[in-house]
C-alpha atoms as a PDB file:
ATOM      1  CA  MET A   1       4.653  14.328 -16.598  1.00  0.00           C
ATOM      2  CA  ALA A   2       8.256  13.666 -15.664  1.00  0.00           C
ATOM      3  CA  THR A   3      10.794  13.186 -18.442  1.00  0.00           C
ATOM      4  CA  ARG A   4      12.927  10.063 -18.470  1.00  0.00           C
ATOM      5  CA  HIS A   5      15.825  11.676 -16.580  1.00  0.00           C
ATOM      6  CA  ALA A   6      13.884  13.973 -14.237  1.00  0.00           C
ATOM      7  CA  PRO A   7      14.021  13.159 -10.492  1.00  0.00           C
ATOM      8  CA  LEU A   8      11.389  10.687  -9.301  1.00  0.00           C
ATOM      9  CA  ALA A   9       9.415  10.746  -6.055  1.00  0.00           C
ATOM     10  CA  ALA A  10      10.119   7.398  -4.395  1.00  0.00           C
ATOM     11  CA  PHE A  11       9.947   5.198  -1.313  1.00  0.00           C
ATOM     12  CA  VAL A  12      12.189   2.221  -0.559  1.00  0.00           C
ATOM     13  CA  LEU A  13      10.052  -0.912  -0.227  1.00  0.00           C
ATOM     14  CA  HIS A  14      12.822  -3.458   0.266  1.00  0.00           C
ATOM     15  CA  HIS A  15      16.551  -3.914  -0.132  1.00  0.00           C
ATOM     16  CA  HIS A  16      19.037  -6.747  -0.156  1.00  0.00           C
ATOM     17  CA  ASP A  17      22.790  -7.086  -0.488  1.00  0.00           C
ATOM     18  CA  TRP A  18      24.206  -7.166  -3.980  1.00  0.00           C
ATOM     19  CA  SER A  19      27.900  -7.233  -3.131  1.00  0.00           C
ATOM     20  CA  GLU A  20      30.127  -6.282  -0.219  1.00  0.00           C
ATOM     21  CA  SER A  21      29.545  -2.611  -1.009  1.00  0.00           C
ATOM     22  CA  SER A  22      26.286  -2.361  -2.972  1.00  0.00           C
ATOM     23  CA  LEU A  23      22.544  -2.911  -2.579  1.00  0.00           C
ATOM     24  CA  ILE A  24      19.613  -3.904  -4.778  1.00  0.00           C
ATOM     25  CA  LEU A  25      16.533  -1.808  -3.949  1.00  0.00           C
ATOM     26  CA  ASP A  26      12.876  -2.202  -4.733  1.00  0.00           C
ATOM     27  CA  LEU A  27      11.481   1.327  -5.123  1.00  0.00           C
ATOM     28  CA  PHE A  28       7.900   2.541  -5.377  1.00  0.00           C
ATOM     29  CA  THR A  29       7.946   5.677  -7.521  1.00  0.00           C
ATOM     30  CA  ARG A  30       5.084   8.009  -8.328  1.00  0.00           C
ATOM     31  CA  GLU A  31       6.040   8.482 -11.957  1.00  0.00           C
ATOM     32  CA  GLN A  32       7.163   5.002 -13.035  1.00  0.00           C
ATOM     33  CA  GLY A  33       5.658   2.612 -10.491  1.00  0.00           C
ATOM     34  CA  ARG A  34       7.698  -0.164  -8.892  1.00  0.00           C
ATOM     35  CA  LEU A  35      11.321  -0.290  -9.996  1.00  0.00           C
ATOM     36  CA  VAL A  36      14.357  -2.382  -9.113  1.00  0.00           C
ATOM     37  CA  VAL A  37      17.590  -0.391  -8.915  1.00  0.00           C
ATOM     38  CA  ALA A  38      21.222  -1.015  -8.021  1.00  0.00           C
ATOM     39  CA  ALA A  39      22.782   1.368  -5.500  1.00  0.00           C
ATOM     40  CA  ARG A  40      26.492   0.969  -6.132  1.00  0.00           C
ATOM     41  CA  GLY A  41      28.698   1.621  -3.138  1.00  0.00           C
ATOM     42  CA  ALA A  42      25.710   2.219  -0.848  1.00  0.00           C
ATOM     43  CA  LYS A  43      27.247   0.156   1.974  1.00  0.00           C
ATOM     44  CA  LYS A  44      30.558   1.999   2.009  1.00  0.00           C
ATOM     45  CA  PRO A  45      31.142   3.979   5.223  1.00  0.00           C
ATOM     46  CA  HIS A  46      31.243   7.366   3.495  1.00  0.00           C
ATOM     47  CA  SER A  47      28.525   6.771   0.901  1.00  0.00           C
ATOM     48  CA  ASN A  48      25.910   9.519   0.603  1.00  0.00           C
ATOM     49  CA  PHE A  49      23.303   6.756   0.168  1.00  0.00           C
ATOM     50  CA  ARG A  50      23.715   5.322   3.686  1.00  0.00           C
ATOM     51  CA  ALA A  51      21.694   7.985   5.484  1.00  0.00           C
ATOM     52  CA  VAL A  52      18.815   8.246   2.994  1.00  0.00           C
ATOM     53  CA  LEU A  53      18.059   4.771   1.620  1.00  0.00           C
ATOM     54  CA  LEU A  54      15.671   3.916   4.450  1.00  0.00           C
ATOM     55  CA  PRO A  55      12.114   2.568   4.309  1.00  0.00           C
ATOM     56  CA  PHE A  56       9.155   4.941   4.808  1.00  0.00           C
ATOM     57  CA  GLN A  57      11.214   8.038   3.927  1.00  0.00           C
ATOM     58  CA  ARG A  58      10.045  10.030   0.907  1.00  0.00           C
ATOM     59  CA  LEU A  59      12.952  10.428  -1.493  1.00  0.00           C
ATOM     60  CA  SER A  60      13.812  12.238  -4.684  1.00  0.00           C
ATOM     61  CA  VAL A  61      15.877   9.869  -6.828  1.00  0.00           C
ATOM     62  CA  ALA A  62      17.629  10.042 -10.181  1.00  0.00           C
ATOM     63  CA  LEU A  63      18.334   6.967 -12.277  1.00  0.00           C
ATOM     64  CA  GLY A  64      21.059   6.165 -14.779  1.00  0.00           C
ATOM     65  CA  ARG A  65      20.696   7.431 -18.311  1.00  0.00           C
ATOM     66  CA  GLY A  66      20.066   4.920 -21.046  1.00  0.00           C
ATOM     67  CA  ASP A  67      18.711   2.097 -18.866  1.00  0.00           C
ATOM     68  CA  ALA A  68      15.068   3.159 -18.517  1.00  0.00           C
ATOM     69  CA  HIS A  69      13.875  -0.214 -19.842  1.00  0.00           C
ATOM     70  CA  ALA A  70      16.488  -2.353 -18.080  1.00  0.00           C
ATOM     71  CA  GLU A  71      15.299  -4.937 -15.575  1.00  0.00           C
ATOM     72  CA  VAL A  72      17.647  -3.425 -12.984  1.00  0.00           C
ATOM     73  CA  GLN A  73      18.408   0.277 -13.308  1.00  0.00           C
ATOM     74  CA  THR A  74      21.256   2.233 -11.740  1.00  0.00           C
ATOM     75  CA  LEU A  75      20.581   4.643  -8.899  1.00  0.00           C
ATOM     76  CA  ARG A  76      22.550   7.829  -9.561  1.00  0.00           C
ATOM     77  CA  SER A  77      21.382   9.936  -6.620  1.00  0.00           C
ATOM     78  CA  ALA A  78      18.886   9.963  -3.764  1.00  0.00           C
ATOM     79  CA  GLU A  79      17.880  12.812  -1.467  1.00  0.00           C
ATOM     80  CA  PHE A  80      15.506  13.023   1.479  1.00  0.00           C
ATOM     81  CA  ALA A  81      12.334  14.813   0.331  1.00  0.00           C
ATOM     82  CA  GLY A  82      10.717  15.584   3.685  1.00  0.00           C
ATOM     83  CA  GLY A  83       7.996  13.931   5.718  1.00  0.00           C
ATOM     84  CA  PRO A  84       7.595  12.288   9.133  1.00  0.00           C
ATOM     85  CA  GLY A  85      10.266  10.247  10.859  1.00  0.00           C
ATOM     86  CA  LEU A  86      10.552   6.477  10.823  1.00  0.00           C
ATOM     87  CA  PRO A  87       7.602   4.668  12.451  1.00  0.00           C
ATOM     88  CA  ARG A  88       8.342   2.786  15.665  1.00  0.00           C
ATOM     89  CA  GLY A  89       7.033  -0.290  17.425  1.00  0.00           C
ATOM     90  CA  GLU A  90       3.968  -1.940  15.888  1.00  0.00           C
ATOM     91  CA  ALA A  91       3.645   0.984  13.465  1.00  0.00           C
ATOM     92  CA  LEU A  92       6.874  -0.235  11.884  1.00  0.00           C
ATOM     93  CA  PHE A  93       5.316  -3.645  11.186  1.00  0.00           C
ATOM     94  CA  ALA A  94       2.173  -2.004   9.777  1.00  0.00           C
ATOM     95  CA  GLY A  95       4.419  -0.114   7.367  1.00  0.00           C
ATOM     96  CA  PHE A  96       6.225  -3.296   6.361  1.00  0.00           C
ATOM     97  CA  TYR A  97       2.819  -4.898   5.778  1.00  0.00           C
ATOM     98  CA  CYS A  98       1.929  -2.126   3.310  1.00  0.00           C
ATOM     99  CA  ASN A  99       5.314  -2.551   1.626  1.00  0.00           C
ATOM    100  CA  GLU A 100       4.833  -6.300   1.299  1.00  0.00           C
ATOM    101  CA  LEU A 101       1.443  -5.835  -0.359  1.00  0.00           C
ATOM    102  CA  LEU A 102       2.944  -3.394  -2.865  1.00  0.00           C
ATOM    103  CA  MET A 103       5.844  -5.755  -3.579  1.00  0.00           C
ATOM    104  CA  LYS A 104       3.583  -8.736  -4.204  1.00  0.00           C
ATOM    105  CA  LEU A 105       0.685  -7.087  -6.052  1.00  0.00           C
ATOM    106  CA  LEU A 106       2.260  -4.378  -8.229  1.00  0.00           C
ATOM    107  CA  ALA A 107       3.822  -5.168 -11.574  1.00  0.00           C
ATOM    108  CA  ARG A 108       7.061  -3.385 -12.387  1.00  0.00           C
ATOM    109  CA  HIS A 109       7.001  -0.201 -14.489  1.00  0.00           C
ATOM    110  CA  ASP A 110       3.246   0.254 -13.942  1.00  0.00           C
ATOM    111  CA  PRO A 111       2.609   3.744 -12.505  1.00  0.00           C
ATOM    112  CA  HIS A 112      -0.126   4.255  -9.907  1.00  0.00           C
ATOM    113  CA  PRO A 113       0.204   7.902  -8.817  1.00  0.00           C
ATOM    114  CA  ARG A 114      -2.968   7.936  -6.689  1.00  0.00           C
ATOM    115  CA  LEU A 115      -1.855   4.776  -4.914  1.00  0.00           C
ATOM    116  CA  PHE A 116       1.533   6.398  -4.297  1.00  0.00           C
ATOM    117  CA  ASP A 117      -0.233   9.396  -2.749  1.00  0.00           C
ATOM    118  CA  ALA A 118      -2.417   7.092  -0.635  1.00  0.00           C
ATOM    119  CA  TYR A 119       0.679   5.243   0.610  1.00  0.00           C
ATOM    120  CA  ALA A 120       2.369   8.548   1.499  1.00  0.00           C
ATOM    121  CA  ALA A 121      -0.772   9.709   3.328  1.00  0.00           C
ATOM    122  CA  THR A 122      -1.127   6.391   5.186  1.00  0.00           C
ATOM    123  CA  LEU A 123       2.362   6.272   6.714  1.00  0.00           C
ATOM    124  CA  PRO A 124       1.855   9.145   9.225  1.00  0.00           C
ATOM    125  CA  ARG A 125      -1.404   7.539  10.407  1.00  0.00           C
ATOM    126  CA  LEU A 126       0.422   4.385  11.462  1.00  0.00           C
ATOM    127  CA  ALA A 127       1.793   6.164  14.536  1.00  0.00           C
ATOM    128  CA  GLY A 128      -1.705   6.890  15.901  1.00  0.00           C
ATOM    129  CA  PRO A 129      -4.021   4.923  18.211  1.00  0.00           C
ATOM    130  CA  ASP A 130      -4.920   1.389  17.150  1.00  0.00           C
ATOM    131  CA  GLU A 131      -8.363   2.259  15.768  1.00  0.00           C
ATOM    132  CA  ALA A 132      -6.892   4.988  13.552  1.00  0.00           C
ATOM    133  CA  VAL A 133      -4.134   2.620  12.397  1.00  0.00           C
ATOM    134  CA  GLN A 134      -6.620  -0.110  11.483  1.00  0.00           C
ATOM    135  CA  ALA A 135      -8.850   2.354   9.602  1.00  0.00           C
ATOM    136  CA  ALA A 136      -5.806   3.659   7.706  1.00  0.00           C
ATOM    137  CA  LEU A 137      -4.735   0.127   6.759  1.00  0.00           C
ATOM    138  CA  ARG A 138      -8.217  -0.811   5.543  1.00  0.00           C
ATOM    139  CA  ALA A 139      -8.414   2.369   3.451  1.00  0.00           C
ATOM    140  CA  PHE A 140      -4.992   1.646   1.963  1.00  0.00           C
ATOM    141  CA  GLU A 141      -6.002  -1.935   1.116  1.00  0.00           C
ATOM    142  CA  LEU A 142      -9.136  -0.666  -0.629  1.00  0.00           C
ATOM    143  CA  VAL A 143      -7.237   1.914  -2.699  1.00  0.00           C
ATOM    144  CA  LEU A 144      -4.613  -0.688  -3.612  1.00  0.00           C
ATOM    145  CA  LEU A 145      -7.214  -3.248  -4.723  1.00  0.00           C
ATOM    146  CA  ARG A 146      -9.134  -0.586  -6.654  1.00  0.00           C
ATOM    147  CA  ASP A 147      -6.089   0.773  -8.468  1.00  0.00           C
ATOM    148  CA  ILE A 148      -4.927  -2.636  -9.675  1.00  0.00           C
ATOM    149  CA  GLY A 149      -8.417  -3.603 -10.813  1.00  0.00           C
ATOM    150  CA  LEU A 150      -9.198  -6.246  -8.180  1.00  0.00           C
ATOM    151  CA  LEU A 151     -11.950  -4.457  -6.252  1.00  0.00           C
ATOM    152  CA  PRO A 152     -15.555  -4.813  -7.449  1.00  0.00           C
ATOM    153  CA  ASP A 153     -18.060  -1.957  -7.327  1.00  0.00           C
ATOM    154  CA  LEU A 154     -19.074  -1.924  -3.664  1.00  0.00           C
ATOM    155  CA  ALA A 155     -22.347  -0.123  -4.341  1.00  0.00           C
ATOM    156  CA  HIS A 156     -23.837  -3.044  -6.304  1.00  0.00           C
ATOM    157  CA  GLU A 157     -24.176  -6.777  -5.926  1.00  0.00           C
ATOM    158  CA  THR A 158     -21.744  -8.058  -8.552  1.00  0.00           C
ATOM    159  CA  SER A 159     -23.776 -10.869 -10.144  1.00  0.00           C
ATOM    160  CA  THR A 160     -27.091  -9.003 -10.417  1.00  0.00           C
ATOM    161  CA  GLN A 161     -25.920  -5.360 -10.396  1.00  0.00           C
ATOM    162  CA  ARG A 162     -28.704  -4.621  -7.910  1.00  0.00           C
ATOM    163  CA  PRO A 163     -27.810  -1.687  -5.639  1.00  0.00           C
ATOM    164  CA  ALA A 164     -26.612  -2.693  -2.189  1.00  0.00           C
ATOM    165  CA  ARG A 165     -29.475  -2.293   0.286  1.00  0.00           C
ATOM    166  CA  PRO A 166     -29.073  -0.783   3.762  1.00  0.00           C
ATOM    167  CA  GLY A 167     -30.072  -3.460   6.239  1.00  0.00           C
ATOM    168  CA  ALA A 168     -28.995  -6.337   3.982  1.00  0.00           C
ATOM    169  CA  HIS A 169     -25.559  -7.897   4.563  1.00  0.00           C
ATOM    170  CA  TYR A 170     -22.912  -8.608   1.941  1.00  0.00           C
ATOM    171  CA  THR A 171     -19.605 -10.417   1.707  1.00  0.00           C
ATOM    172  CA  LEU A 172     -16.645  -9.888  -0.629  1.00  0.00           C
ATOM    173  CA  ARG A 173     -15.562 -12.986  -2.536  1.00  0.00           C
ATOM    174  CA  GLY A 174     -12.547 -13.175  -4.769  1.00  0.00           C
ATOM    175  CA  ASP A 175     -14.367 -15.366  -7.286  1.00  0.00           C
ATOM    176  CA  ALA A 176     -17.741 -13.611  -7.236  1.00  0.00           C
ATOM    177  CA  GLY A 177     -17.339 -10.031  -6.028  1.00  0.00           C
ATOM    178  CA  LEU A 178     -19.929  -8.517  -3.662  1.00  0.00           C
ATOM    179  CA  VAL A 179     -22.500 -11.156  -2.710  1.00  0.00           C
ATOM    180  CA  GLU A 180     -25.547 -10.897  -0.433  1.00  0.00           C
ATOM    181  CA  SER A 181     -25.002 -12.921   2.721  1.00  0.00           C
ATOM    182  CA  THR A 182     -27.068 -14.360   5.548  1.00  0.00           C
ATOM    183  CA  ASP A 183     -24.131 -13.839   7.902  1.00  0.00           C
ATOM    184  CA  ARG A 184     -25.055 -10.912  10.155  1.00  0.00           C
ATOM    185  CA  GLY A 185     -21.390 -10.498  11.010  1.00  0.00           C
ATOM    186  CA  THR A 186     -20.595  -9.158   7.546  1.00  0.00           C
ATOM    187  CA  PRO A 187     -20.883  -5.411   6.784  1.00  0.00           C
ATOM    188  CA  ASP A 188     -24.322  -4.208   5.777  1.00  0.00           C
ATOM    189  CA  GLY A 189     -25.277  -2.418   2.582  1.00  0.00           C
ATOM    190  CA  ALA A 190     -24.978   1.030   4.162  1.00  0.00           C
ATOM    191  CA  THR A 191     -21.304   0.360   4.956  1.00  0.00           C
ATOM    192  CA  TRP A 192     -20.497  -0.834   1.438  1.00  0.00           C
ATOM    193  CA  LEU A 193     -22.309   2.172  -0.068  1.00  0.00           C
ATOM    194  CA  ALA A 194     -20.350   4.544   2.177  1.00  0.00           C
ATOM    195  CA  LEU A 195     -17.077   2.891   1.212  1.00  0.00           C
ATOM    196  CA  GLN A 196     -17.813   3.159  -2.509  1.00  0.00           C
ATOM    197  CA  SER A 197     -18.849   6.805  -2.133  1.00  0.00           C
ATOM    198  CA  ALA A 198     -15.593   7.577  -0.311  1.00  0.00           C
ATOM    199  CA  LEU A 199     -13.565   5.716  -2.962  1.00  0.00           C
ATOM    200  CA  ASP A 200     -15.262   7.741  -5.680  1.00  0.00           C
ATOM    201  CA  ALA A 201     -14.494  10.971  -3.809  1.00  0.00           C
ATOM    202  CA  ASP A 202     -10.854   9.941  -3.403  1.00  0.00           C
ATOM    203  CA  ALA A 203     -10.576   9.244  -7.138  1.00  0.00           C
ATOM    204  CA  SER A 204     -11.830  12.729  -7.976  1.00  0.00           C
ATOM    205  CA  ARG A 205      -9.343  14.628  -5.795  1.00  0.00           C
ATOM    206  CA  ALA A 206      -5.569  14.894  -5.884  1.00  0.00           C
ATOM    207  CA  ASP A 207      -4.735  15.947  -2.303  1.00  0.00           C
ATOM    208  CA  PRO A 208      -3.809  13.651   0.630  1.00  0.00           C
ATOM    209  CA  ALA A 209      -6.860  14.793   2.623  1.00  0.00           C
ATOM    210  CA  ALA A 210      -9.038  12.965   0.077  1.00  0.00           C
ATOM    211  CA  LEU A 211      -8.266   9.743   1.964  1.00  0.00           C
ATOM    212  CA  ALA A 212      -9.854  10.959   5.222  1.00  0.00           C
ATOM    213  CA  PRO A 213     -13.502  10.177   4.255  1.00  0.00           C
ATOM    214  CA  LEU A 214     -12.486   6.651   3.242  1.00  0.00           C
ATOM    215  CA  GLN A 215     -10.666   6.109   6.536  1.00  0.00           C
ATOM    216  CA  ALA A 216     -13.750   7.365   8.386  1.00  0.00           C
ATOM    217  CA  ALA A 217     -15.987   4.984   6.423  1.00  0.00           C
ATOM    218  CA  CYS A 218     -13.661   2.088   7.237  1.00  0.00           C
ATOM    219  CA  ALA A 219     -13.817   2.925  10.948  1.00  0.00           C
ATOM    220  CA  ARG A 220     -17.547   2.080  10.996  1.00  0.00           C
ATOM    221  CA  GLU A 221     -17.014  -1.702  10.956  1.00  0.00           C
ATOM    222  CA  LEU A 222     -13.338  -2.379  11.460  1.00  0.00           C
ATOM    223  CA  PRO A 223     -13.352  -6.052  12.590  1.00  0.00           C
ATOM    224  CA  ALA A 224     -15.788  -7.196   9.879  1.00  0.00           C
ATOM    225  CA  LEU A 225     -14.057  -5.177   7.176  1.00  0.00           C
ATOM    226  CA  ARG A 226     -10.654  -6.492   8.190  1.00  0.00           C
ATOM    227  CA  THR A 227     -11.902 -10.069   7.754  1.00  0.00           C
ATOM    228  CA  GLN A 228     -13.435  -9.276   4.364  1.00  0.00           C
ATOM    229  CA  LEU A 229     -10.386  -7.517   2.936  1.00  0.00           C
ATOM    230  CA  ARG A 230      -7.928 -10.014   4.343  1.00  0.00           C
ATOM    231  CA  ALA A 231      -9.798 -12.868   2.620  1.00  0.00           C
ATOM    232  CA  LEU A 232      -9.900 -10.948  -0.667  1.00  0.00           C
ATOM    233  CA  LEU A 233      -6.180 -10.152  -0.493  1.00  0.00           C
ATOM    234  CA  HIS A 234      -5.302 -13.755   0.325  1.00  0.00           C
ATOM    235  CA  TYR A 235      -7.357 -14.912  -2.647  1.00  0.00           C
ATOM    236  CA  HIS A 236      -5.452 -12.673  -5.072  1.00  0.00           C
ATOM    237  CA  LEU A 237      -2.071 -13.251  -3.441  1.00  0.00           C
ATOM    238  CA  GLY A 238      -2.589 -16.997  -3.625  1.00  0.00           C
ATOM    239  CA  THR A 239      -1.394 -17.373  -0.034  1.00  0.00           C
ATOM    240  CA  SER A 240      -2.321 -16.403   3.505  1.00  0.00           C
ATOM    241  CA  ALA A 241       1.330 -16.281   4.594  1.00  0.00           C
ATOM    242  CA  LEU A 242       2.626 -12.712   4.807  1.00  0.00           C
ATOM    243  CA  ARG A 243       6.106 -12.323   6.292  1.00  0.00           C
ATOM    244  CA  SER A 244       5.379  -8.969   7.953  1.00  0.00           C
ATOM    245  CA  ARG A 245       2.286 -10.284   9.726  1.00  0.00           C
ATOM    246  CA  GLN A 246       3.989 -13.490  10.882  1.00  0.00           C
ATOM    247  CA  LEU A 247       6.979 -11.564  12.189  1.00  0.00           C
ATOM    248  CA  LEU A 248       4.717  -9.353  14.310  1.00  0.00           C
ATOM    249  CA  VAL A 249       2.867 -12.405  15.663  1.00  0.00           C
ATOM    250  CA  ASP A 250       6.185 -14.074  16.548  1.00  0.00           C
ATOM    251  CA  LEU A 251       7.469 -10.972  18.337  1.00  0.00           C
ATOM    252  CA  GLN A 252       4.207 -10.574  20.267  1.00  0.00           C
ATOM    253  CA  SER A 253       4.471 -14.231  21.342  1.00  0.00           C
ATOM    254  CA  LEU A 254       8.038 -13.692  22.548  1.00  0.00           C
ATOM    255  CA  ALA A 255       6.988 -10.580  24.486  1.00  0.00           C
ATOM    256  CA  ALA A 256       4.128 -12.490  26.122  1.00  0.00           C
END
């Protein structure tokens, strides 16, 4: 485990101006969870921060001594820690969507190392074909909901604890968990069982490849699963309005 002053693995989720020369950053760190930090002088022309404080770039950051419990900590240093380049086009908006979910659903100073690893493993997939992107997003949503305790056991009907049955159909409800449904457009029991099995496998391994079986399970019923997870996320977010999604819709309308 990292000591208080050891470098932290981090991604920039969001930033906004603090002064003419400085920025306030929302960071997602592996060791300490979501943090808010002040990057003094980051906007100055010769600042070392300018080239590295970018979204979707894995960083190694050091924070100010003595302010570990402060609401806003001081960023002492930040270095690029390797990884793929910035996503482009629609992949960029998919990345911002992931960032927005993390911003709205994660409490500060609450570490989720497996979620951090899942986020890092998801970003390169966002540059692939649409089906691979959608499967990666669904897998990320599932890991996020699981890690913050908002995902029910997908292998059992929540109210009765009866095992999900292949051939039967089930829906995810924010107020009731996994519920048997007469809607044939919802995923069947075999899909939910496969998803839970892949989630369990991911939880037992510490390497990025552990996410691949979950992405493959998501690819089985992408449209239905997207509808299910979107409704569950909206329920827990308390809104259906996500800025990243609306921005993409607006840009697509302009292009059309």
